[in-house]
Amino acid sequence: MVKQTIQVFARVKPTKKPTTVYSVDCEEQGDSLEFVVPRDLADGFVNNKKENYKFRFQKVFERTINQEEIFEAIAKPVADK
């Protein structure tokens, strides 16, 4: 029996109104996805909300990729096993 680890993927989907800025960094260990959510000045002068959120995934799929490509990359290898 072959041991496998859990793999986590992310897909950035297009929205009608972009609310946050994001960036994808590709590295050997996996991709990282970073969101920048600006602080809202309406919350007051003392605003300790976090602005940057960074997450690591095996692979991050950009907005332009279609569903078939995602299936081929993720689901098909699992189904074939």
N, C-alpha and C. Protein backbone atom coordinates (compact mmCIF):
# COMPACT_ATOMS: atom_id res chain seq x y z
N MET A 1 0.84 -1.18 0.00
CA MET A 1 0.00 0.00 0.00
C MET A 1 0.89 1.25 0.00
N VAL A 2 0.59 2.18 -0.87
CA VAL A 2 1.38 3.39 -1.00
C VAL A 2 0.81 4.46 -0.08
N LYS A 3 1.68 5.06 0.73
CA LYS A 3 1.23 6.15 1.61
C LYS A 3 1.19 7.44 0.81
N GLN A 4 0.13 8.20 1.03
CA GLN A 4 0.00 9.48 0.35
C GLN A 4 -0.33 10.54 1.38
N THR A 5 0.06 11.74 1.09
CA THR A 5 -0.27 12.86 1.97
C THR A 5 -1.46 13.62 1.40
N ILE A 6 -2.08 14.37 2.24
CA ILE A 6 -3.19 15.22 1.79
C ILE A 6 -2.59 16.40 1.03
N GLN A 7 -3.16 16.68 -0.11
CA GLN A 7 -2.71 17.81 -0.91
C GLN A 7 -3.80 18.87 -0.92
N VAL A 8 -3.37 20.12 -0.85
CA VAL A 8 -4.31 21.24 -0.80
C VAL A 8 -4.02 22.16 -1.98
N PHE A 9 -5.07 22.48 -2.72
CA PHE A 9 -4.96 23.33 -3.90
C PHE A 9 -5.85 24.55 -3.72
N ALA A 10 -5.54 25.61 -4.44
CA ALA A 10 -6.38 26.82 -4.41
C ALA A 10 -6.67 27.24 -5.84
N ARG A 11 -7.86 27.78 -6.02
CA ARG A 11 -8.24 28.33 -7.32
C ARG A 11 -8.72 29.76 -7.11
N VAL A 12 -8.11 30.69 -7.82
CA VAL A 12 -8.52 32.09 -7.74
C VAL A 12 -9.59 32.28 -8.79
N LYS A 13 -10.79 32.59 -8.34
CA LYS A 13 -11.91 32.76 -9.26
C LYS A 13 -12.13 34.25 -9.54
N PRO A 14 -12.49 34.59 -10.75
CA PRO A 14 -12.74 36.00 -11.07
C PRO A 14 -14.01 36.51 -10.38
N THR A 15 -13.97 37.76 -10.01
CA THR A 15 -15.14 38.39 -9.41
C THR A 15 -15.53 39.60 -10.25
N LYS A 16 -16.75 40.04 -10.07
CA LYS A 16 -17.21 41.23 -10.81
C LYS A 16 -16.48 42.47 -10.33
N LYS A 17 -16.26 42.53 -9.02
CA LYS A 17 -15.61 43.70 -8.44
C LYS A 17 -14.43 43.22 -7.59
N PRO A 18 -13.21 43.46 -8.04
CA PRO A 18 -12.08 43.02 -7.23
C PRO A 18 -12.02 43.78 -5.91
N THR A 19 -12.00 43.03 -4.82
CA THR A 19 -12.02 43.66 -3.50
C THR A 19 -10.66 43.63 -2.83
N THR A 20 -9.81 42.73 -3.25
CA THR A 20 -8.49 42.63 -2.64
C THR A 20 -7.43 42.45 -3.71
N VAL A 21 -6.21 42.73 -3.32
CA VAL A 21 -5.07 42.50 -4.19
C VAL A 21 -4.43 41.20 -3.76
N TYR A 22 -4.02 40.38 -4.71
CA TYR A 22 -3.38 39.12 -4.35
C TYR A 22 -2.16 38.89 -5.22
N SER A 23 -1.28 38.03 -4.73
CA SER A 23 -0.12 37.64 -5.52
C SER A 23 0.15 36.16 -5.29
N VAL A 24 0.70 35.51 -6.31
CA VAL A 24 1.02 34.09 -6.24
C VAL A 24 2.53 33.96 -6.44
N ASP A 25 3.18 33.26 -5.50
CA ASP A 25 4.61 32.98 -5.61
C ASP A 25 4.79 31.48 -5.81
N CYS A 26 5.47 31.10 -6.87
CA CYS A 26 5.73 29.69 -7.14
C CYS A 26 7.11 29.33 -6.59
N GLU A 27 7.14 28.31 -5.75
CA GLU A 27 8.38 27.86 -5.14
C GLU A 27 8.49 26.35 -5.30
N GLU A 28 9.65 25.79 -4.99
CA GLU A 28 9.84 24.35 -5.11
C GLU A 28 8.94 23.57 -4.16
N GLN A 29 8.74 24.07 -2.96
CA GLN A 29 7.94 23.37 -1.96
C GLN A 29 6.45 23.51 -2.22
N GLY A 30 6.05 24.41 -3.09
CA GLY A 30 4.64 24.64 -3.38
C GLY A 30 4.42 26.11 -3.66
N ASP A 31 3.20 26.46 -3.93
CA ASP A 31 2.86 27.85 -4.23
C ASP A 31 2.34 28.54 -2.98
N SER A 32 2.54 29.85 -2.91
CA SER A 32 1.96 30.61 -1.82
C SER A 32 1.06 31.68 -2.41
N LEU A 33 -0.03 31.93 -1.73
CA LEU A 33 -1.02 32.90 -2.16
C LEU A 33 -1.14 33.94 -1.07
N GLU A 34 -0.92 35.20 -1.43
CA GLU A 34 -0.96 36.28 -0.45
C GLU A 34 -2.04 37.28 -0.83
N PHE A 35 -2.90 37.59 0.15
CA PHE A 35 -3.95 38.59 -0.03
C PHE A 35 -3.58 39.84 0.75
N VAL A 36 -3.86 40.98 0.16
CA VAL A 36 -3.69 42.25 0.85
C VAL A 36 -5.06 42.89 0.96
N VAL A 37 -5.53 43.03 2.19
CA VAL A 37 -6.83 43.64 2.44
C VAL A 37 -6.57 44.94 3.18
N PRO A 38 -6.74 46.08 2.49
CA PRO A 38 -6.43 47.36 3.14
C PRO A 38 -7.31 47.62 4.36
N ARG A 39 -6.73 48.28 5.33
CA ARG A 39 -7.49 48.64 6.53
C ARG A 39 -8.54 49.68 6.18
N ASP A 40 -9.67 49.59 6.85
CA ASP A 40 -10.76 50.54 6.64
C ASP A 40 -10.60 51.67 7.64
N LEU A 41 -10.42 52.89 7.14
CA LEU A 41 -10.23 54.03 8.03
C LEU A 41 -11.48 54.34 8.85
N ALA A 42 -12.63 53.84 8.44
CA ALA A 42 -13.86 54.07 9.18
C ALA A 42 -13.85 53.33 10.52
N ASP A 43 -12.94 52.37 10.68
CA ASP A 43 -12.86 51.63 11.94
C ASP A 43 -12.19 52.44 13.04
N GLY A 44 -11.66 53.60 12.73
CA GLY A 44 -11.03 54.44 13.75
C GLY A 44 -9.53 54.52 13.57
N PHE A 45 -8.91 55.33 14.43
CA PHE A 45 -7.47 55.55 14.32
C PHE A 45 -6.68 54.35 14.80
N VAL A 46 -7.16 53.67 15.85
CA VAL A 46 -6.48 52.48 16.33
C VAL A 46 -7.11 51.29 15.61
N ASN A 47 -6.43 50.82 14.61
CA ASN A 47 -6.96 49.73 13.80
C ASN A 47 -5.88 48.66 13.73
N ASN A 48 -6.05 47.61 14.49
CA ASN A 48 -5.05 46.55 14.55
C ASN A 48 -5.38 45.37 13.65
N LYS A 49 -6.26 45.58 12.71
CA LYS A 49 -6.61 44.49 11.80
C LYS A 49 -5.41 44.11 10.94
N LYS A 50 -5.31 42.86 10.68
CA LYS A 50 -4.25 42.34 9.83
C LYS A 50 -4.51 42.74 8.39
N GLU A 51 -3.46 43.13 7.67
CA GLU A 51 -3.61 43.52 6.26
C GLU A 51 -3.16 42.43 5.29
N ASN A 52 -2.17 41.65 5.68
CA ASN A 52 -1.62 40.62 4.78
C ASN A 52 -1.96 39.23 5.29
N TYR A 53 -2.43 38.40 4.39
CA TYR A 53 -2.74 37.00 4.70
C TYR A 53 -1.99 36.14 3.69
N LYS A 54 -1.19 35.21 4.16
CA LYS A 54 -0.40 34.37 3.26
C LYS A 54 -0.68 32.91 3.57
N PHE A 55 -0.97 32.13 2.52
CA PHE A 55 -1.29 30.72 2.65
C PHE A 55 -0.44 29.93 1.66
N ARG A 56 -0.10 28.68 2.03
CA ARG A 56 0.70 27.81 1.17
C ARG A 56 -0.15 26.65 0.66
N PHE A 57 0.04 26.33 -0.61
CA PHE A 57 -0.69 25.24 -1.26
C PHE A 57 0.28 24.44 -2.11
N GLN A 58 -0.12 23.23 -2.50
CA GLN A 58 0.68 22.48 -3.45
C GLN A 58 0.70 23.20 -4.79
N LYS A 59 -0.45 23.78 -5.16
CA LYS A 59 -0.56 24.49 -6.43
C LYS A 59 -1.68 25.52 -6.32
N VAL A 60 -1.46 26.69 -6.90
CA VAL A 60 -2.48 27.73 -6.97
C VAL A 60 -2.82 27.92 -8.45
N PHE A 61 -4.09 27.80 -8.76
CA PHE A 61 -4.56 27.97 -10.13
C PHE A 61 -5.07 29.40 -10.30
N GLU A 62 -4.61 30.06 -11.34
CA GLU A 62 -4.98 31.45 -11.61
C GLU A 62 -6.40 31.56 -12.17
N ARG A 63 -6.84 32.78 -12.36
CA ARG A 63 -8.19 33.06 -12.85
C ARG A 63 -8.46 32.53 -14.25
N THR A 64 -7.43 32.42 -15.06
CA THR A 64 -7.61 32.09 -16.47
C THR A 64 -7.76 30.59 -16.74
N ILE A 65 -7.50 29.75 -15.77
CA ILE A 65 -7.55 28.30 -15.99
C ILE A 65 -9.01 27.83 -16.04
N ASN A 66 -9.27 26.82 -16.87
CA ASN A 66 -10.65 26.34 -16.95
C ASN A 66 -10.83 25.07 -16.12
N GLN A 67 -12.05 24.65 -15.96
CA GLN A 67 -12.39 23.52 -15.11
C GLN A 67 -11.76 22.21 -15.60
N GLU A 68 -11.67 22.03 -16.89
CA GLU A 68 -11.10 20.80 -17.44
C GLU A 68 -9.62 20.67 -17.08
N GLU A 69 -8.88 21.77 -17.12
CA GLU A 69 -7.47 21.74 -16.76
C GLU A 69 -7.28 21.40 -15.28
N ILE A 70 -8.16 21.91 -14.45
CA ILE A 70 -8.10 21.60 -13.02
C ILE A 70 -8.40 20.12 -12.79
N PHE A 71 -9.40 19.60 -13.49
CA PHE A 71 -9.71 18.17 -13.37
C PHE A 71 -8.52 17.32 -13.77
N GLU A 72 -7.88 17.66 -14.89
CA GLU A 72 -6.73 16.90 -15.37
C GLU A 72 -5.57 16.93 -14.37
N ALA A 73 -5.37 18.05 -13.71
CA ALA A 73 -4.24 18.20 -12.79
C ALA A 73 -4.50 17.58 -11.43
N ILE A 74 -5.74 17.60 -10.95
CA ILE A 74 -6.02 17.16 -9.58
C ILE A 74 -6.84 15.88 -9.51
N ALA A 75 -8.01 15.88 -10.10
CA ALA A 75 -8.96 14.76 -9.90
C ALA A 75 -8.61 13.52 -10.71
N LYS A 76 -8.13 13.70 -11.92
CA LYS A 76 -7.87 12.53 -12.77
C LYS A 76 -6.81 11.62 -12.19
N PRO A 77 -5.68 12.14 -11.69
CA PRO A 77 -4.69 11.23 -11.09
C PRO A 77 -5.26 10.45 -9.88
N VAL A 78 -6.13 11.06 -9.13
CA VAL A 78 -6.74 10.38 -7.98
C VAL A 78 -7.69 9.30 -8.48
N ALA A 79 -8.50 9.62 -9.47
CA ALA A 79 -9.45 8.66 -10.01
C ALA A 79 -8.74 7.47 -10.69
N ASP A 80 -7.61 7.76 -11.33
CA ASP A 80 -6.86 6.70 -12.00
C ASP A 80 -6.25 5.70 -11.02
N LYS A 81 -5.96 6.15 -9.82
CA LYS A 81 -5.37 5.25 -8.81
C LYS A 81 -6.44 4.39 -8.21
